[in-house]
C-alpha cells in the first residue's frame, strides 16, 4: 500500500519509517572493534615470528604476550593523540625569550653536556664487542632528561625556556628514580678490562651525573626567579603536554624500539625481578600500562605540584640569605 503523494498519511508513514531507522542497530563501521582486534592479532603474530630466536634465550621474554605488546602500544598512541589535542589550546610558545645565555647558564649547560660526552666515552670503552648495545642505553630516560637540560640551558627560544622547562619539572622523577633503584650492575661486571680504580670511577660518575640531574629543578627555580625561564602555570595545557611527552617517549618510542632490537631497554619488554605479589599488584603482563599511568597521572603531577614548589621555596630562601650576606 503506497499513499498518494498528497495524502496526509504519507507524512505519517515517513515519520514512522524514520523512527524505525533510528532505532534499528547500525552496521559496524570499517574501524570496528573486531577489525582492530584482527590487526592486533596479525601484528602480534608478525612480532612473535620476528623475535622467536631472540626470545629463546630469555624465559621471561614473552611475559607480555605479543598481542598485548601491540595493543598496549595502540593504547599509548591513543593517549598521546588525546593529550596533543587536549593541550592544543594551551602552550604554543614561539620566538626568542632571551637574547643569549648568561655565563652561568652556559657553564651549567656545558657541565650537563660533559655528562653526555663522558657517558658516551664510558660506553664505548665498556662496549668492546657490544658497543652498539651499550650506546643504545643513551636513549634511557636520564640521558634524555640530560639532553633536555642541555637544550634548555644553552637555548634561547621560548621552546627551550618555557616548553622544555615545563617538561623538566614534570619529569624530575627520572634522575630520582634512577638513584632510588640504581643500576650499576653492568659496571661492576666489567672485570675483563676494568681495574678496580676504573670501576670506582665509573660508579662515581653514575652518582655525580644523577645528583647533577636531580639539581636541575633547583637550577630552573633560580632562573625562573630571575625571569630567565618561564614555568607555565599548572593547567590543562601544561599537564597535557607532559602526558603527551611521557607517553610518546616511554609508552611508544622506547617500547617500540626495545621490541625492534629485541632488548629489554628500561624494562620495556619484560619486568624486573619482583616479588610475585608486587608483580601481581602492577597488573602482571599489564605492568607497563600500570607504571605508565602512575608516571603520567601521579608522579609527574606530584613533581610539579609538590616537589618543585618546595625546591623553589628553598632556592628562594637561600638566595635571599645570600643577598643579605
C-alpha atoms as a PDB file:
ATOM      1  CA  UNK A   1       0.000   0.000   0.000  1.00  0.00           C
ATOM      2  CA  UNK A   2       1.558   3.305  -1.123  1.00  0.00           C
ATOM      3  CA  UNK A   3      -0.314   6.523  -0.164  1.00  0.00           C
ATOM      4  CA  UNK A   4      -0.857   9.188  -2.768  1.00  0.00           C
ATOM      5  CA  UNK A   5       1.877  11.881  -2.712  1.00  0.00           C
ATOM      6  CA  UNK A   6      -0.629  14.422  -1.431  1.00  0.00           C
ATOM      7  CA  UNK A   7      -2.210  12.026   1.091  1.00  0.00           C
ATOM      8  CA  UNK A   8      -1.528  13.286   4.663  1.00  0.00           C
ATOM      9  CA  UNK A   9      -0.960   9.672   5.687  1.00  0.00           C
ATOM     10  CA  UNK A  10       2.273   9.725   3.627  1.00  0.00           C
ATOM     11  CA  UNK A  11       3.912  12.110   6.065  1.00  0.00           C
ATOM     12  CA  UNK A  12       2.888   9.881   8.992  1.00  0.00           C
ATOM     13  CA  UNK A  13       4.318   6.805   7.237  1.00  0.00           C
ATOM     14  CA  UNK A  14       7.613   8.575   6.507  1.00  0.00           C
ATOM     15  CA  UNK A  15       7.891   9.642  10.144  1.00  0.00           C
ATOM     16  CA  UNK A  16       7.374   6.048  11.337  1.00  0.00           C
ATOM     17  CA  UNK A  17       9.961   4.722   8.876  1.00  0.00           C
ATOM     18  CA  UNK A  18      12.450   7.367  10.080  1.00  0.00           C
ATOM     19  CA  UNK A  19      11.907   6.394  13.717  1.00  0.00           C
ATOM     20  CA  UNK A  20      12.377   2.708  12.885  1.00  0.00           C
ATOM     21  CA  UNK A  21      15.627   3.508  11.062  1.00  0.00           C
ATOM     22  CA  UNK A  22      16.943   5.407  14.052  1.00  0.00           C
ATOM     23  CA  UNK A  23      16.062   2.599  16.452  1.00  0.00           C
ATOM     24  CA  UNK A  24      17.482  -0.212  14.297  1.00  0.00           C
ATOM     25  CA  UNK A  25      21.068  -1.339  15.003  1.00  0.00           C
ATOM     26  CA  UNK A  26      23.686   0.325  12.828  1.00  0.00           C
ATOM     27  CA  UNK A  27      26.089  -1.761  10.736  1.00  0.00           C
ATOM     28  CA  UNK A  28      29.623  -1.918  12.109  1.00  0.00           C
ATOM     29  CA  UNK A  29      31.981   0.750  10.804  1.00  0.00           C
ATOM     30  CA  UNK A  30      35.199  -0.028   8.996  1.00  0.00           C
ATOM     31  CA  UNK A  31      37.153   0.760  12.180  1.00  0.00           C
ATOM     32  CA  UNK A  32      35.084  -1.586  14.337  1.00  0.00           C
ATOM     33  CA  UNK A  33      36.457  -3.437  17.361  1.00  0.00           C
ATOM     34  CA  UNK A  34      36.607  -6.814  15.533  1.00  0.00           C
ATOM     35  CA  UNK A  35      38.718  -5.303  12.757  1.00  0.00           C
ATOM     36  CA  UNK A  36      41.034  -3.629  15.277  1.00  0.00           C
ATOM     37  CA  UNK A  37      41.343  -6.958  17.079  1.00  0.00           C
ATOM     38  CA  UNK A  38      42.247  -8.632  13.795  1.00  0.00           C
ATOM     39  CA  UNK A  39      45.026  -6.103  13.195  1.00  0.00           C
ATOM     40  CA  UNK A  40      46.329  -6.594  16.748  1.00  0.00           C
ATOM     41  CA  UNK A  41      46.379 -10.380  16.250  1.00  0.00           C
ATOM     42  CA  UNK A  42      48.135 -10.083  12.879  1.00  0.00           C
ATOM     43  CA  UNK A  43      50.798  -7.697  14.152  1.00  0.00           C
ATOM     44  CA  UNK A  44      51.229  -9.881  17.234  1.00  0.00           C
ATOM     45  CA  UNK A  45      51.909 -12.921  15.037  1.00  0.00           C
ATOM     46  CA  UNK A  46      54.448 -10.979  12.986  1.00  0.00           C
ATOM     47  CA  UNK A  47      56.154  -9.743  16.178  1.00  0.00           C
ATOM     48  CA  UNK A  48      56.277 -13.275  17.590  1.00  0.00           C
ATOM     49  CA  UNK A  49      57.784 -14.648  14.394  1.00  0.00           C
ATOM     50  CA  UNK A  50      60.385 -11.883  14.170  1.00  0.00           C
ATOM     51  CA  UNK A  51      61.595 -12.278  17.772  1.00  0.00           C
ATOM     52  CA  UNK A  52      61.243 -16.050  18.084  1.00  0.00           C
ATOM     53  CA  UNK A  53      65.012 -16.685  18.065  1.00  0.00           C
ATOM     54  CA  UNK A  54      65.720 -13.831  20.483  1.00  0.00           C
ATOM     55  CA  UNK A  55      63.021 -14.993  22.889  1.00  0.00           C
ATOM     56  CA  UNK A  56      64.512 -18.487  23.129  1.00  0.00           C
ATOM     57  CA  UNK A  57      67.403 -17.138  25.181  1.00  0.00           C
ATOM     58  CA  UNK A  58      65.237 -15.408  27.797  1.00  0.00           C
ATOM     59  CA  UNK A  59      62.445 -17.307  29.615  1.00  0.00           C
ATOM     60  CA  UNK A  60      60.681 -14.067  30.617  1.00  0.00           C
ATOM     61  CA  UNK A  61      60.763 -12.550  27.141  1.00  0.00           C
ATOM     62  CA  UNK A  62      57.065 -13.150  26.480  1.00  0.00           C
ATOM     63  CA  UNK A  63      55.880 -12.176  29.971  1.00  0.00           C
ATOM     64  CA  UNK A  64      53.829  -9.734  27.943  1.00  0.00           C
ATOM     65  CA  UNK A  65      52.340 -11.753  25.034  1.00  0.00           C
ATOM     66  CA  UNK A  66      52.985 -10.342  21.532  1.00  0.00           C
ATOM     67  CA  UNK A  67      49.347  -9.309  21.028  1.00  0.00           C
ATOM     68  CA  UNK A  68      49.409  -7.395  24.312  1.00  0.00           C
ATOM     69  CA  UNK A  69      52.570  -5.578  23.253  1.00  0.00           C
ATOM     70  CA  UNK A  70      50.733  -4.373  20.159  1.00  0.00           C
ATOM     71  CA  UNK A  71      47.508  -3.457  21.954  1.00  0.00           C
ATOM     72  CA  UNK A  72      49.429  -1.570  24.659  1.00  0.00           C
ATOM     73  CA  UNK A  73      51.321   0.391  22.021  1.00  0.00           C
ATOM     74  CA  UNK A  74      47.976   1.295  20.438  1.00  0.00           C
ATOM     75  CA  UNK A  75      46.720   2.382  23.858  1.00  0.00           C
ATOM     76  CA  UNK A  76      49.656   4.733  24.408  1.00  0.00           C
ATOM     77  CA  UNK A  77      49.308   6.127  20.886  1.00  0.00           C
ATOM     78  CA  UNK A  78      45.692   6.916  21.733  1.00  0.00           C
ATOM     79  CA  UNK A  79      46.721   8.649  24.974  1.00  0.00           C
ATOM     80  CA  UNK A  80      49.275  10.714  23.056  1.00  0.00           C
ATOM     81  CA  UNK A  81      46.702  11.732  20.438  1.00  0.00           C
ATOM     82  CA  UNK A  82      44.172  12.770  23.083  1.00  0.00           C
ATOM     83  CA  UNK A  83      46.827  14.668  25.063  1.00  0.00           C
ATOM     84  CA  UNK A  84      48.061  16.543  21.999  1.00  0.00           C
ATOM     85  CA  UNK A  85      44.517  17.616  21.168  1.00  0.00           C
ATOM     86  CA  UNK A  86      43.888  18.478  24.817  1.00  0.00           C
ATOM     87  CA  UNK A  87      46.986  20.671  25.016  1.00  0.00           C
ATOM     88  CA  UNK A  88      46.365  22.414  21.677  1.00  0.00           C
ATOM     89  CA  UNK A  89      44.680  25.490  23.222  1.00  0.00           C
ATOM     90  CA  UNK A  90      47.474  25.695  25.791  1.00  0.00           C
ATOM     91  CA  UNK A  91      51.183  26.191  25.264  1.00  0.00           C
ATOM     92  CA  UNK A  92      52.350  27.176  21.814  1.00  0.00           C
ATOM     93  CA  UNK A  93      55.401  29.326  22.565  1.00  0.00           C
ATOM     94  CA  UNK A  94      57.241  30.775  19.575  1.00  0.00           C
ATOM     95  CA  UNK A  95      60.077  33.209  19.082  1.00  0.00           C
ATOM     96  CA  UNK A  96      63.022  34.044  21.325  1.00  0.00           C
ATOM     97  CA  UNK A  97      62.681  34.563  25.079  1.00  0.00           C
ATOM     98  CA  UNK A  98      66.207  35.779  25.876  1.00  0.00           C
ATOM     99  CA  UNK A  99      68.905  37.226  23.664  1.00  0.00           C
ATOM    100  CA  UNK A 100      71.626  34.825  24.739  1.00  0.00           C
ATOM    101  CA  UNK A 101      72.539  32.515  27.580  1.00  0.00           C
ATOM    102  CA  UNK A 102      74.291  34.073  30.549  1.00  0.00           C
ATOM    103  CA  UNK A 103      77.745  32.921  31.611  1.00  0.00           C
ATOM    104  CA  UNK A 104      76.337  30.851  34.486  1.00  0.00           C
ATOM    105  CA  UNK A 105      73.746  29.254  32.168  1.00  0.00           C
ATOM    106  CA  UNK A 106      76.488  28.375  29.704  1.00  0.00           C
ATOM    107  CA  UNK A 107      78.578  26.856  32.489  1.00  0.00           C
ATOM    108  CA  UNK A 108      75.665  24.708  33.658  1.00  0.00           C
ATOM    109  CA  UNK A 109      74.867  23.782  30.051  1.00  0.00           C
ATOM    110  CA  UNK A 110      78.459  22.726  29.367  1.00  0.00           C
ATOM    111  CA  UNK A 111      78.549  20.714  32.597  1.00  0.00           C
ATOM    112  CA  UNK A 112      75.397  18.858  31.527  1.00  0.00           C
ATOM    113  CA  UNK A 113      76.839  18.367  28.039  1.00  0.00           C
ATOM    114  CA  UNK A 114      80.039  16.953  29.540  1.00  0.00           C
ATOM    115  CA  UNK A 115      77.993  14.223  31.227  1.00  0.00           C
ATOM    116  CA  UNK A 116      76.673  13.147  27.825  1.00  0.00           C
ATOM    117  CA  UNK A 117      80.192  13.084  26.358  1.00  0.00           C
ATOM    118  CA  UNK A 118      81.541  11.238  29.405  1.00  0.00           C
ATOM    119  CA  UNK A 119      78.812   8.596  29.291  1.00  0.00           C
ATOM    120  CA  UNK A 120      79.303   8.015  25.561  1.00  0.00           C
ATOM    121  CA  UNK A 121      83.042   7.599  26.126  1.00  0.00           C
ATOM    122  CA  UNK A 122      82.392   5.190  29.011  1.00  0.00           C
ATOM    123  CA  UNK A 123      80.027   3.092  26.918  1.00  0.00           C
ATOM    124  CA  UNK A 124      82.473   2.984  24.013  1.00  0.00           C
ATOM    125  CA  UNK A 125      85.136   1.729  26.395  1.00  0.00           C
ATOM    126  CA  UNK A 126      82.885  -0.833  28.090  1.00  0.00           C
ATOM    127  CA  UNK A 127      81.219  -1.922  24.874  1.00  0.00           C
ATOM    128  CA  UNK A 128      84.090  -3.951  23.425  1.00  0.00           C
ATOM    129  CA  UNK A 129      82.145  -6.324  21.146  1.00  0.00           C
ATOM    130  CA  UNK A 130      78.812  -4.894  22.401  1.00  0.00           C
ATOM    131  CA  UNK A 131      79.419  -1.236  21.545  1.00  0.00           C
ATOM    132  CA  UNK A 132      76.088  -0.789  19.782  1.00  0.00           C
ATOM    133  CA  UNK A 133      74.216  -2.365  22.681  1.00  0.00           C
ATOM    134  CA  UNK A 134      75.964  -0.057  25.133  1.00  0.00           C
ATOM    135  CA  UNK A 135      75.221   3.042  23.049  1.00  0.00           C
ATOM    136  CA  UNK A 136      71.552   2.064  22.856  1.00  0.00           C
ATOM    137  CA  UNK A 137      71.415   2.840  26.585  1.00  0.00           C
ATOM    138  CA  UNK A 138      71.852   6.532  25.706  1.00  0.00           C
ATOM    139  CA  UNK A 139      68.121   6.683  24.951  1.00  0.00           C
ATOM    140  CA  UNK A 140      67.255   5.821  28.564  1.00  0.00           C
ATOM    141  CA  UNK A 141      65.166   8.399  30.481  1.00  0.00           C
ATOM    142  CA  UNK A 142      68.034  10.005  32.429  1.00  0.00           C
ATOM    143  CA  UNK A 143      70.093  10.583  29.296  1.00  0.00           C
ATOM    144  CA  UNK A 144      67.091  12.087  27.515  1.00  0.00           C
ATOM    145  CA  UNK A 145      66.476  14.275  30.582  1.00  0.00           C
ATOM    146  CA  UNK A 146      70.143  15.296  30.371  1.00  0.00           C
ATOM    147  CA  UNK A 147      69.735  16.286  26.706  1.00  0.00           C
ATOM    148  CA  UNK A 148      66.633  18.323  27.511  1.00  0.00           C
ATOM    149  CA  UNK A 149      68.564  20.158  30.234  1.00  0.00           C
ATOM    150  CA  UNK A 150      71.380  20.991  27.799  1.00  0.00           C
ATOM    151  CA  UNK A 151      68.876  22.303  25.263  1.00  0.00           C
ATOM    152  CA  UNK A 152      67.089  24.399  27.875  1.00  0.00           C
ATOM    153  CA  UNK A 153      70.243  25.951  29.362  1.00  0.00           C
ATOM    154  CA  UNK A 154      72.026  26.686  26.081  1.00  0.00           C
ATOM    155  CA  UNK A 155      68.941  27.524  24.021  1.00  0.00           C
ATOM    156  CA  UNK A 156      67.271  30.922  23.924  1.00  0.00           C
ATOM    157  CA  UNK A 157      63.943  30.168  22.259  1.00  0.00           C
ATOM    158  CA  UNK A 158      60.633  30.058  24.087  1.00  0.00           C
ATOM    159  CA  UNK A 159      60.505  26.347  23.311  1.00  0.00           C
ATOM    160  CA  UNK A 160      63.742  25.873  25.271  1.00  0.00           C
ATOM    161  CA  UNK A 161      62.930  28.309  28.057  1.00  0.00           C
ATOM    162  CA  UNK A 162      59.244  27.531  28.515  1.00  0.00           C
ATOM    163  CA  UNK A 163      58.174  24.245  26.919  1.00  0.00           C
ATOM    164  CA  UNK A 164      61.265  22.255  27.910  1.00  0.00           C
ATOM    165  CA  UNK A 165      61.333  23.970  31.314  1.00  0.00           C
ATOM    166  CA  UNK A 166      57.826  22.623  31.888  1.00  0.00           C
ATOM    167  CA  UNK A 167      58.864  19.096  30.854  1.00  0.00           C
ATOM    168  CA  UNK A 168      61.997  19.151  33.018  1.00  0.00           C
ATOM    169  CA  UNK A 169      59.940  19.976  36.110  1.00  0.00           C
ATOM    170  CA  UNK A 170      57.286  17.324  35.426  1.00  0.00           C
ATOM    171  CA  UNK A 171      59.972  14.743  34.574  1.00  0.00           C
ATOM    172  CA  UNK A 172      62.118  15.448  37.646  1.00  0.00           C
ATOM    173  CA  UNK A 173      61.292  11.914  38.794  1.00  0.00           C
ATOM    174  CA  UNK A 174      63.659  10.467  36.173  1.00  0.00           C
ATOM    175  CA  UNK A 175      67.005  11.014  37.973  1.00  0.00           C
ATOM    176  CA  UNK A 176      65.387  10.478  41.386  1.00  0.00           C
ATOM    177  CA  UNK A 177      64.030   7.067  40.368  1.00  0.00           C
ATOM    178  CA  UNK A 178      67.436   6.141  38.930  1.00  0.00           C
ATOM    179  CA  UNK A 179      69.046   6.854  42.302  1.00  0.00           C
ATOM    180  CA  UNK A 180      66.340   5.047  44.264  1.00  0.00           C
ATOM    181  CA  UNK A 181      66.812   1.980  42.029  1.00  0.00           C
ATOM    182  CA  UNK A 182      70.461   2.322  40.884  1.00  0.00           C
ATOM    183  CA  UNK A 183      71.595   0.091  38.045  1.00  0.00           C
ATOM    184  CA  UNK A 184      75.379  -0.244  38.315  1.00  0.00           C
ATOM    185  CA  UNK A 185      75.442  -3.993  37.703  1.00  0.00           C
ATOM    186  CA  UNK A 186      76.935  -3.624  34.227  1.00  0.00           C
ATOM    187  CA  UNK A 187      79.798  -1.519  35.580  1.00  0.00           C
ATOM    188  CA  UNK A 188      80.601  -3.968  38.376  1.00  0.00           C
ATOM    189  CA  UNK A 189      80.765  -6.855  35.881  1.00  0.00           C
ATOM    190  CA  UNK A 190      83.442  -5.270  33.662  1.00  0.00           C
ATOM    191  CA  UNK A 191      86.188  -7.420  35.182  1.00  0.00           C
ATOM    192  CA  UNK A 192      87.883  -8.263  31.898  1.00  0.00           C
ATOM    193  CA  UNK A 193      89.228  -4.795  31.071  1.00  0.00           C
ATOM    194  CA  UNK A 194      88.387  -2.650  34.121  1.00  0.00           C
ATOM    195  CA  UNK A 195      90.680  -2.134  37.064  1.00  0.00           C
ATOM    196  CA  UNK A 196      89.100  -1.626  40.491  1.00  0.00           C
ATOM    197  CA  UNK A 197      90.021   2.052  40.303  1.00  0.00           C
ATOM    198  CA  UNK A 198      88.322   2.432  36.926  1.00  0.00           C
ATOM    199  CA  UNK A 199      85.190   0.678  38.167  1.00  0.00           C
ATOM    200  CA  UNK A 200      85.110   3.036  41.155  1.00  0.00           C
ATOM    201  CA  UNK A 201      85.467   5.979  38.770  1.00  0.00           C
ATOM    202  CA  UNK A 202      82.537   4.789  36.634  1.00  0.00           C
ATOM    203  CA  UNK A 203      80.358   4.234  39.697  1.00  0.00           C
ATOM    204  CA  UNK A 204      81.271   7.728  40.932  1.00  0.00           C
ATOM    205  CA  UNK A 205      80.340   9.125  37.505  1.00  0.00           C
ATOM    206  CA  UNK A 206      76.939   7.446  37.791  1.00  0.00           C
ATOM    207  CA  UNK A 207      76.171   9.100  41.125  1.00  0.00           C
ATOM    208  CA  UNK A 208      77.624  12.520  40.242  1.00  0.00           C
ATOM    209  CA  UNK A 209      75.695  12.501  36.975  1.00  0.00           C
ATOM    210  CA  UNK A 210      72.357  11.710  38.598  1.00  0.00           C
ATOM    211  CA  UNK A 211      72.876  14.099  41.500  1.00  0.00           C
ATOM    212  CA  UNK A 212      73.546  16.872  38.972  1.00  0.00           C
ATOM    213  CA  UNK A 213      70.376  15.960  37.074  1.00  0.00           C
ATOM    214  CA  UNK A 214      68.424  15.942  40.333  1.00  0.00           C
ATOM    215  CA  UNK A 215      69.614  19.530  40.857  1.00  0.00           C
ATOM    216  CA  UNK A 216      68.065  20.702  37.564  1.00  0.00           C
ATOM    217  CA  UNK A 217      64.708  21.751  39.144  1.00  0.00           C
ATOM    218  CA  UNK A 218      66.635  23.902  41.648  1.00  0.00           C
ATOM    219  CA  UNK A 219      68.671  25.474  38.828  1.00  0.00           C
ATOM    220  CA  UNK A 220      65.486  26.209  36.901  1.00  0.00           C
ATOM    221  CA  UNK A 221      63.796  27.645  40.003  1.00  0.00           C
ATOM    222  CA  UNK A 222      66.689  30.104  40.385  1.00  0.00           C
ATOM    223  CA  UNK A 223      66.498  31.244  36.766  1.00  0.00           C
ATOM    224  CA  UNK A 224      62.688  31.387  36.828  1.00  0.00           C
ATOM    225  CA  UNK A 225      63.048  33.808  39.757  1.00  0.00           C
ATOM    226  CA  UNK A 226      65.356  35.937  37.583  1.00  0.00           C
ATOM    227  CA  UNK A 227      62.932  35.833  34.649  1.00  0.00           C
ATOM    228  CA  UNK A 228      65.316  33.826  32.500  1.00  0.00           C
ATOM    229  CA  UNK A 229      62.881  30.907  32.256  1.00  0.00           C
ATOM    230  CA  UNK A 230      59.093  30.715  32.288  1.00  0.00           C
ATOM    231  CA  UNK A 231      57.385  27.903  34.130  1.00  0.00           C
ATOM    232  CA  UNK A 232      53.801  27.691  32.846  1.00  0.00           C
ATOM    233  CA  UNK A 233      51.036  27.566  35.455  1.00  0.00           C
ATOM    234  CA  UNK A 234      49.502  24.245  36.403  1.00  0.00           C
ATOM    235  CA  UNK A 235      46.679  23.971  33.903  1.00  0.00           C
ATOM    236  CA  UNK A 236      45.276  21.637  31.288  1.00  0.00           C
ATOM    237  CA  UNK A 237      47.749  22.707  28.606  1.00  0.00           C
ATOM    238  CA  UNK A 238      50.952  22.247  30.621  1.00  0.00           C
ATOM    239  CA  UNK A 239      49.809  18.929  32.112  1.00  0.00           C
ATOM    240  CA  UNK A 240      48.607  17.512  28.781  1.00  0.00           C
ATOM    241  CA  UNK A 241      51.920  18.493  27.250  1.00  0.00           C
ATOM    242  CA  UNK A 242      53.738  16.367  29.834  1.00  0.00           C
ATOM    243  CA  UNK A 243      51.352  13.426  29.373  1.00  0.00           C
ATOM    244  CA  UNK A 244      51.859  13.571  25.603  1.00  0.00           C
ATOM    245  CA  UNK A 245      55.646  13.658  26.006  1.00  0.00           C
ATOM    246  CA  UNK A 246      55.812  10.888  28.634  1.00  0.00           C
ATOM    247  CA  UNK A 247      53.602   8.507  26.663  1.00  0.00           C
ATOM    248  CA  UNK A 248      55.136   9.237  23.262  1.00  0.00           C
ATOM    249  CA  UNK A 249      58.639   8.721  24.649  1.00  0.00           C
ATOM    250  CA  UNK A 250      58.271   5.935  27.236  1.00  0.00           C
ATOM    251  CA  UNK A 251      54.991   4.312  26.195  1.00  0.00           C
ATOM    252  CA  UNK A 252      55.522   4.339  22.424  1.00  0.00           C
ATOM    253  CA  UNK A 253      59.049   5.161  21.199  1.00  0.00           C
ATOM    254  CA  UNK A 254      61.075   3.403  23.904  1.00  0.00           C
ATOM    255  CA  UNK A 255      58.892   0.278  23.903  1.00  0.00           C
ATOM    256  CA  UNK A 256      58.702   0.071  20.116  1.00  0.00           C
ATOM    257  CA  UNK A 257      62.479   0.449  19.817  1.00  0.00           C
ATOM    258  CA  UNK A 258      63.066  -2.175  22.527  1.00  0.00           C
ATOM    259  CA  UNK A 259      60.905  -4.640  20.586  1.00  0.00           C
ATOM    260  CA  UNK A 260      62.598  -3.675  17.329  1.00  0.00           C
ATOM    261  CA  UNK A 261      66.075  -4.521  18.632  1.00  0.00           C
ATOM    262  CA  UNK A 262      64.891  -7.321  20.950  1.00  0.00           C
ATOM    263  CA  UNK A 263      66.397  -5.810  24.118  1.00  0.00           C
ATOM    264  CA  UNK A 264      64.792  -5.122  27.482  1.00  0.00           C
ATOM    265  CA  UNK A 265      65.575  -1.399  27.394  1.00  0.00           C
ATOM    266  CA  UNK A 266      64.292   0.246  30.577  1.00  0.00           C
ATOM    267  CA  UNK A 267      62.353  -2.961  31.306  1.00  0.00           C
ATOM    268  CA  UNK A 268      60.102  -2.261  28.334  1.00  0.00           C
ATOM    269  CA  UNK A 269      59.814  -5.888  27.196  1.00  0.00           C
ATOM    270  CA  UNK A 270      59.644  -7.807  30.470  1.00  0.00           C
ATOM    271  CA  UNK A 271      59.549  -6.539  34.078  1.00  0.00           C
ATOM    272  CA  UNK A 272      62.471  -6.537  36.504  1.00  0.00           C
ATOM    273  CA  UNK A 273      62.700  -9.350  39.076  1.00  0.00           C
ATOM    274  CA  UNK A 274      59.909  -8.602  41.526  1.00  0.00           C
ATOM    275  CA  UNK A 275      58.160 -10.496  44.311  1.00  0.00           C
ATOM    276  CA  UNK A 276      55.077 -12.276  42.902  1.00  0.00           C
ATOM    277  CA  UNK A 277      52.677 -10.135  44.945  1.00  0.00           C
ATOM    278  CA  UNK A 278      54.263  -6.910  43.690  1.00  0.00           C
ATOM    279  CA  UNK A 279      54.173  -8.112  40.093  1.00  0.00           C
ATOM    280  CA  UNK A 280      50.508  -9.044  40.525  1.00  0.00           C
ATOM    281  CA  UNK A 281      49.820  -5.628  42.065  1.00  0.00           C
ATOM    282  CA  UNK A 282      51.267  -3.998  38.936  1.00  0.00           C
ATOM    283  CA  UNK A 283      48.892  -5.995  36.754  1.00  0.00           C
ATOM    284  CA  UNK A 284      51.131  -8.852  35.660  1.00  0.00           C
ATOM    285  CA  UNK A 285      51.517  -8.597  31.906  1.00  0.00           C
ATOM    286  CA  UNK A 286      49.955  -5.118  32.084  1.00  0.00           C
ATOM    287  CA  UNK A 287      52.755  -3.803  34.326  1.00  0.00           C
ATOM    288  CA  UNK A 288      53.866  -1.345  31.648  1.00  0.00           C
ATOM    289  CA  UNK A 289      50.425   0.242  31.401  1.00  0.00           C
ATOM    290  CA  UNK A 290      50.190   0.475  35.206  1.00  0.00           C
ATOM    291  CA  UNK A 291      53.597   2.125  35.500  1.00  0.00           C
ATOM    292  CA  UNK A 292      52.774   4.464  32.625  1.00  0.00           C
ATOM    293  CA  UNK A 293      49.562   5.582  34.314  1.00  0.00           C
ATOM    294  CA  UNK A 294      51.399   6.146  37.615  1.00  0.00           C
ATOM    295  CA  UNK A 295      54.094   8.226  35.904  1.00  0.00           C
ATOM    296  CA  UNK A 296      51.564  10.203  33.872  1.00  0.00           C
ATOM    297  CA  UNK A 297      48.866  10.904  36.411  1.00  0.00           C
ATOM    298  CA  UNK A 298      50.567  10.593  39.801  1.00  0.00           C
ATOM    299  CA  UNK A 299      54.354  11.004  39.854  1.00  0.00           C
ATOM    300  CA  UNK A 300      54.621  13.740  37.228  1.00  0.00           C
ATOM    301  CA  UNK A 301      51.884  15.903  38.804  1.00  0.00           C
ATOM    302  CA  UNK A 302      53.475  15.312  42.243  1.00  0.00           C
ATOM    303  CA  UNK A 303      56.772  16.679  40.922  1.00  0.00           C
ATOM    304  CA  UNK A 304      55.042  19.777  39.569  1.00  0.00           C
ATOM    305  CA  UNK A 305      52.568  20.475  42.360  1.00  0.00           C
ATOM    306  CA  UNK A 306      54.519  19.396  45.457  1.00  0.00           C
ATOM    307  CA  UNK A 307      58.202  18.712  44.802  1.00  0.00           C
ATOM    308  CA  UNK A 308      59.021  21.760  42.656  1.00  0.00           C
ATOM    309  CA  UNK A 309      57.274  24.325  44.912  1.00  0.00           C
ATOM    310  CA  UNK A 310      59.306  23.004  47.866  1.00  0.00           C
ATOM    311  CA  UNK A 311      62.526  23.202  45.849  1.00  0.00           C
ATOM    312  CA  UNK A 312      61.634  26.715  44.618  1.00  0.00           C
ATOM    313  CA  UNK A 313      60.902  27.844  48.187  1.00  0.00           C
ATOM    314  CA  UNK A 314      64.287  26.529  49.393  1.00  0.00           C
ATOM    315  CA  UNK A 315      66.076  28.211  46.480  1.00  0.00           C
ATOM    316  CA  UNK A 316      64.262  31.475  47.151  1.00  0.00           C
ATOM    317  CA  UNK A 317      65.113  31.347  50.859  1.00  0.00           C
ATOM    318  CA  UNK A 318      68.784  30.552  50.163  1.00  0.00           C
ATOM    319  CA  UNK A 319      69.011  33.332  47.574  1.00  0.00           C
ATOM    320  CA  UNK A 320      67.631  35.909  49.996  1.00  0.00           C
ATOM    321  CA  UNK A 321      70.051  34.773  52.696  1.00  0.00           C
ATOM    322  CA  UNK A 322      72.997  35.081  50.330  1.00  0.00           C
ATOM    323  CA  UNK A 323      71.912  38.576  49.297  1.00  0.00           C
ATOM    324  CA  UNK A 324      71.902  39.722  52.928  1.00  0.00           C
ATOM    325  CA  UNK A 325      75.450  38.470  53.384  1.00  0.00           C
END
